[in-house]
Amino acid sequence: MAVYKAMDGAMSHEQFGEMVTATMQAPLIKKAFGSKNPFDMEYQKKKVKKDRIANAISDSEFNWMTETIPGRDADEYTINYHRCGLCALGKQEHLEELIPYMCAMDFISADLMGGVLYRTGTLAEGAEKCDFYICKKDSKWDKERKYGQQSKLQKQGELGKWNM
């Protein structure tokens, strides 16, 4: 956001989004996220504990209020963000319109860790929470998400044929 402000109108929202995406592709960022393995039940259980501690330490609007829910197995988990530090910063700086571009980082970071992010909304878009469902790429959960909706539509079409 500081770069956007320093550009004093010379940077479009789309260019800001491109800058955020390019930043996430930096070797240092790739290495940091690539070294994490969230698809491990111990990692997920530790994340639950870390969330509880972090949530209790600070009630600042600039802190995230996070709830991690371990998956049915190691290949999936859920994270709900009930408060977002970036949203608070965007509001403070009167740059709320930039926050959705920063939310795109979530998809990139999940990808860098070998996962796929599915969500229905974000706080920046006015949702009650950011609801992250993350599953390991090409896991049964990923395939279920990708192909489940397509399969449901096909079955509905087949039922329609028989009911004619």
Foldseek 3Di string as FASTA:
>chain_A
DVVVVVCVPVADLVNLLVVLVVVCVDPVNLVVLLVDAQLAQVNQVVVQVVLVVQLVPDPDLLGWNKHKAQDPHSFKIKMKTQGHNVCVVCVVVVNLVNVVSNVVVVQSSLVSNQKGWDFDDDVSVVDNITITIIGGPPDPVVCCVVCVVVVVVVVVVVVVVVVD
